[in-house]
Amino acid sequence: MGKLTYDSSLTVDFDDRVLAHIQLVVGAKLRRGESFYFSWRDDPPVGGGRSTVWMHPGISLAYKYFGSKVPVLNRDWVEALSLSANSATGLQLMAEPAQRTPLALRPGG
């Protein structure tokens, strides 16, 4: 289970595979200087519900992965998450779709 730390005050657990896809999409938006909302469903142990944060290039983010292997990314999921991030409601974390297009890209490379 990886961790996303937002503004040194909020830490959220995500599966390493999910976190790798989030990192790619968020990084692309922030590199372009774009701000946006990011929303996800909270796990039952932390109350169920939903959380949303305002992602801005000036707010610090840290990604901490549990495993040492970088997961292979699903191009279709990256595209779906990117479309979501570019919408008025912002990035909505969604289930991974079946991969139709192989992607050799790994985060950071």
Protein backbone atom coordinates (compact mmCIF):
# COMPACT_ATOMS: atom_id res chain seq x y z
CA MET A 1 0.00 0.00 0.00
CA GLY A 2 1.52 3.27 -1.13
CA LYS A 3 0.95 6.69 0.36
CA LEU A 4 0.16 10.07 -1.13
CA THR A 5 1.06 12.94 1.19
CA TYR A 6 -0.60 16.24 0.35
CA ASP A 7 0.69 19.52 1.78
CA SER A 8 2.50 17.63 4.59
CA SER A 9 -0.83 17.43 6.44
CA LEU A 10 -2.92 14.76 4.69
CA THR A 11 -1.71 11.23 3.98
CA VAL A 12 -3.88 8.83 2.00
CA ASP A 13 -3.23 5.14 1.31
CA PHE A 14 -3.54 3.85 -2.25
CA ASP A 15 -2.48 0.58 -3.84
CA ASP A 16 0.94 1.02 -5.50
CA ARG A 17 -0.57 0.38 -8.95
CA VAL A 18 -3.28 3.00 -8.39
CA LEU A 19 -0.73 5.46 -6.99
CA ALA A 20 1.52 5.09 -10.06
CA HIS A 21 -1.35 6.06 -12.35
CA ILE A 22 -2.35 8.97 -10.12
CA GLN A 23 1.24 10.22 -10.07
CA LEU A 24 1.46 10.23 -13.86
CA VAL A 25 -1.82 12.10 -14.38
CA VAL A 26 -1.31 14.59 -11.54
CA GLY A 27 2.29 15.23 -12.59
CA ALA A 28 1.26 16.01 -16.17
CA LYS A 29 -1.34 18.55 -15.02
CA LEU A 30 0.92 20.23 -12.48
CA ARG A 31 3.85 20.42 -14.93
CA ARG A 32 1.58 22.52 -17.14
CA GLY A 33 0.74 24.77 -14.18
CA GLU A 34 -2.88 23.57 -14.07
CA SER A 35 -4.84 23.39 -10.82
CA PHE A 36 -7.75 20.96 -10.39
CA TYR A 37 -9.77 18.94 -7.89
CA PHE A 38 -8.84 15.34 -7.08
CA SER A 39 -11.54 13.14 -5.51
CA TRP A 40 -11.63 9.54 -4.27
CA ARG A 41 -13.77 7.26 -2.10
CA ASP A 42 -12.46 6.74 1.40
CA ASP A 43 -12.00 3.22 2.75
CA PRO A 44 -14.51 2.08 5.39
CA PRO A 45 -11.86 2.08 8.19
CA VAL A 46 -11.47 5.85 7.74
CA GLY A 47 -15.19 6.53 7.58
CA GLY A 48 -16.36 5.58 4.08
CA GLY A 49 -17.46 8.78 2.33
CA ARG A 50 -15.46 10.78 -0.20
CA SER A 51 -12.54 13.16 -0.03
CA THR A 52 -11.53 15.96 -2.40
CA VAL A 53 -8.40 18.11 -2.44
CA TRP A 54 -7.45 21.11 -4.57
CA MET A 55 -4.30 20.21 -6.51
CA HIS A 56 -2.08 23.21 -7.21
CA PRO A 57 1.54 23.43 -8.43
CA GLY A 58 2.50 25.32 -5.26
CA ILE A 59 1.29 22.60 -2.87
CA SER A 60 3.79 19.89 -1.96
CA LEU A 61 3.06 16.27 -2.84
CA ALA A 62 4.98 13.14 -1.93
CA TYR A 63 4.47 9.63 -3.28
CA LYS A 64 5.72 6.71 -1.17
CA TYR A 65 5.50 3.22 -2.65
CA PHE A 66 5.42 0.06 -0.56
CA GLY A 67 6.97 -2.18 -3.24
CA SER A 68 10.29 -1.70 -5.00
CA LYS A 69 9.02 -2.63 -8.49
CA VAL A 70 7.50 0.04 -10.68
CA PRO A 71 4.19 -1.21 -12.10
CA VAL A 72 3.52 -1.28 -15.84
CA LEU A 73 0.93 1.35 -16.65
CA ASN A 74 -2.40 0.84 -18.39
CA ARG A 75 -2.67 3.42 -21.20
CA ASP A 76 -6.47 3.22 -21.21
CA TRP A 77 -6.64 3.98 -17.49
CA VAL A 78 -4.19 6.89 -17.86
CA GLU A 79 -6.34 8.30 -20.67
CA ALA A 80 -9.58 7.88 -18.67
CA LEU A 81 -8.05 9.52 -15.60
CA SER A 82 -6.63 12.35 -17.73
CA LEU A 83 -10.02 13.02 -19.31
CA SER A 84 -11.52 13.12 -15.83
CA ALA A 85 -8.80 15.49 -14.60
CA ASN A 86 -9.55 17.85 -17.50
CA SER A 87 -13.29 17.98 -16.70
CA ALA A 88 -15.09 20.56 -14.58
CA THR A 89 -15.33 18.10 -11.67
CA GLY A 90 -11.62 17.29 -11.73
CA LEU A 91 -9.78 14.00 -11.35
CA GLN A 92 -12.15 11.30 -10.11
CA LEU A 93 -10.43 8.07 -9.11
CA MET A 94 -12.11 5.22 -10.99
CA ALA A 95 -11.66 1.49 -11.36
CA GLU A 96 -9.05 0.30 -13.83
CA PRO A 97 -10.56 -0.61 -17.23
CA ALA A 98 -9.42 -3.65 -19.17
CA GLN A 99 -6.24 -2.76 -21.02
CA ARG A 100 -6.66 -2.62 -24.79
CA THR A 101 -3.43 -0.81 -25.63
CA PRO A 102 -0.10 -1.96 -24.16
CA LEU A 103 1.99 0.76 -22.56
CA ALA A 104 5.67 0.26 -21.88
CA LEU A 105 5.89 3.55 -20.03
CA ARG A 106 6.71 3.48 -16.33
CA PRO A 107 6.35 6.47 -14.00
CA GLY A 108 9.42 8.67 -14.12
CA GLY A 109 10.65 7.21 -17.40
